[in-house]
Amino acid sequence: MGDMVLPTQGQLLRIFVNEVDKHKGLPTYEWILGEARRQGLAGATVLRGLQGFGAHSHVHTAKVLRLSADLPIIIEIVDTTEKIEAFLPSIEEAVPEGLATLEKVDIRFYRSRK
């Protein structure tokens, strides 16, 4: 198992979009994930929320017997401050409606089984 080199201080970028949002013919979350990979960011995870509401106060929910296609999606990306700051402008146009947050994180380890 090899540890990859990242500094001990980094940033967590969290982007909140809706599952139905599209950008360049793809779901927005898929496009953002691809862009993060193209730009060589350390890693990204896409999470689907069970319920949520945003600026419009419209509740998006997954109820039993109904598979909603408009659930909240959260994309989390951790990397160096420099790489996250360079990445943000490239996804600005992909999120006409949503939320992006940044927070400082302590990186304890970053490992791969390769």
Protein backbone atom coordinates (compact mmCIF):
# COMPACT_ATOMS: atom_id res chain seq x y z
CA MET A 1 0.00 0.00 0.00
CA GLY A 2 1.60 3.26 -1.06
CA ASP A 3 0.89 6.62 0.52
CA MET A 4 0.44 9.34 -2.08
CA VAL A 5 1.93 12.70 -1.31
CA LEU A 6 -0.52 15.41 -0.25
CA PRO A 7 0.25 18.15 2.24
CA THR A 8 -1.27 17.87 5.71
CA GLN A 9 -3.46 20.92 5.05
CA GLY A 10 -5.97 20.99 2.22
CA GLN A 11 -9.48 22.00 1.27
CA LEU A 12 -12.78 20.20 0.99
CA LEU A 13 -14.95 21.48 -1.84
CA ARG A 14 -18.59 20.46 -1.52
CA ILE A 15 -20.96 21.11 -4.43
CA PHE A 16 -24.71 20.68 -4.01
CA VAL A 17 -26.81 20.14 -7.15
CA ASN A 18 -30.01 18.31 -8.08
CA GLU A 19 -29.95 14.88 -9.62
CA VAL A 20 -31.86 16.11 -12.70
CA ASP A 21 -29.46 19.00 -13.42
CA LYS A 22 -27.61 18.63 -16.73
CA HIS A 23 -24.49 20.19 -18.23
CA LYS A 24 -23.23 19.51 -21.76
CA GLY A 25 -25.64 16.58 -22.12
CA LEU A 26 -24.53 14.81 -18.93
CA PRO A 27 -25.87 14.88 -15.39
CA THR A 28 -24.08 17.84 -13.76
CA TYR A 29 -22.54 15.67 -11.05
CA GLU A 30 -21.10 13.30 -13.67
CA TRP A 31 -19.66 16.18 -15.69
CA ILE A 32 -18.05 17.71 -12.57
CA LEU A 33 -16.58 14.34 -11.57
CA GLY A 34 -15.09 13.93 -15.06
CA GLU A 35 -13.68 17.44 -14.96
CA ALA A 36 -12.06 16.78 -11.55
CA ARG A 37 -10.45 13.66 -12.99
CA ARG A 38 -9.27 15.46 -16.13
CA GLN A 39 -7.65 18.15 -13.98
CA GLY A 40 -5.85 15.54 -11.87
CA LEU A 41 -7.51 16.26 -8.54
CA ALA A 42 -6.73 13.79 -5.75
CA GLY A 43 -10.24 12.32 -5.65
CA ALA A 44 -13.96 13.02 -5.65
CA THR A 45 -17.05 11.31 -4.27
CA VAL A 46 -20.66 11.74 -5.36
CA LEU A 47 -23.29 11.27 -2.65
CA ARG A 48 -27.07 11.09 -3.11
CA GLY A 49 -29.17 12.72 -0.41
CA LEU A 50 -32.41 11.24 0.88
CA GLN A 51 -34.07 14.58 1.43
CA GLY A 52 -33.18 18.23 1.16
CA PHE A 53 -34.28 21.70 0.20
CA GLY A 54 -32.45 24.68 -1.15
CA ALA A 55 -32.98 28.28 -2.19
CA HIS A 56 -36.53 27.63 -3.47
CA SER A 57 -37.55 25.79 -0.24
CA HIS A 58 -38.92 22.98 -2.43
CA VAL A 59 -38.39 19.66 -0.62
CA HIS A 60 -36.73 16.94 -2.69
CA THR A 61 -37.38 13.54 -1.17
CA ALA A 62 -37.13 9.79 -1.80
CA LYS A 63 -40.27 8.27 -0.31
CA VAL A 64 -41.00 4.55 -0.15
CA LEU A 65 -42.56 3.22 -3.40
CA ARG A 66 -41.37 6.26 -5.29
CA LEU A 67 -37.88 6.47 -6.74
CA SER A 68 -37.36 10.16 -7.11
CA ALA A 69 -35.14 11.32 -9.94
CA ASP A 70 -34.69 14.76 -8.38
CA LEU A 71 -32.76 14.06 -5.21
CA PRO A 72 -30.02 16.28 -3.79
CA ILE A 73 -26.53 15.32 -4.99
CA ILE A 74 -23.35 16.29 -3.16
CA ILE A 75 -19.95 16.13 -4.84
CA GLU A 76 -17.04 16.17 -2.38
CA ILE A 77 -13.50 16.86 -3.55
CA VAL A 78 -10.41 17.07 -1.34
CA ASP A 79 -7.09 18.40 -2.56
CA THR A 80 -4.58 21.20 -2.01
CA THR A 81 -5.87 24.75 -1.71
CA GLU A 82 -4.11 25.67 -4.98
CA LYS A 83 -5.68 22.82 -6.98
CA ILE A 84 -9.18 23.44 -5.57
CA GLU A 85 -8.92 27.20 -6.27
CA ALA A 86 -7.78 26.48 -9.84
CA PHE A 87 -10.63 23.97 -10.31
CA LEU A 88 -13.50 26.19 -9.12
CA PRO A 89 -13.63 28.60 -12.11
CA SER A 90 -13.77 25.67 -14.54
CA ILE A 91 -17.03 24.38 -13.05
CA GLU A 92 -18.69 27.76 -12.41
CA GLU A 93 -20.82 27.63 -15.58
CA ALA A 94 -21.88 24.02 -14.87
CA VAL A 95 -23.81 25.03 -11.74
CA PRO A 96 -26.32 27.79 -12.59
CA GLU A 97 -28.36 26.70 -9.55
CA GLY A 98 -26.79 25.09 -6.51
CA LEU A 99 -24.28 25.71 -3.75
CA ALA A 100 -20.54 25.31 -3.36
CA THR A 101 -18.76 25.41 0.00
CA LEU A 102 -15.09 25.30 0.93
CA GLU A 103 -13.56 24.32 4.22
CA LYS A 104 -10.05 23.72 5.47
CA VAL A 105 -9.29 20.09 6.23
CA ASP A 106 -6.46 18.21 7.92
CA ILE A 107 -5.32 15.39 5.64
CA ARG A 108 -4.25 12.43 7.77
CA PHE A 109 -3.47 9.95 5.00
CA TYR A 110 -4.19 9.30 1.33
CA ARG A 111 -3.52 5.69 0.34
CA SER A 112 -3.85 3.36 -2.59
CA ARG A 113 -3.52 -0.43 -2.66
CA LYS A 114 -1.54 -0.28 -5.94
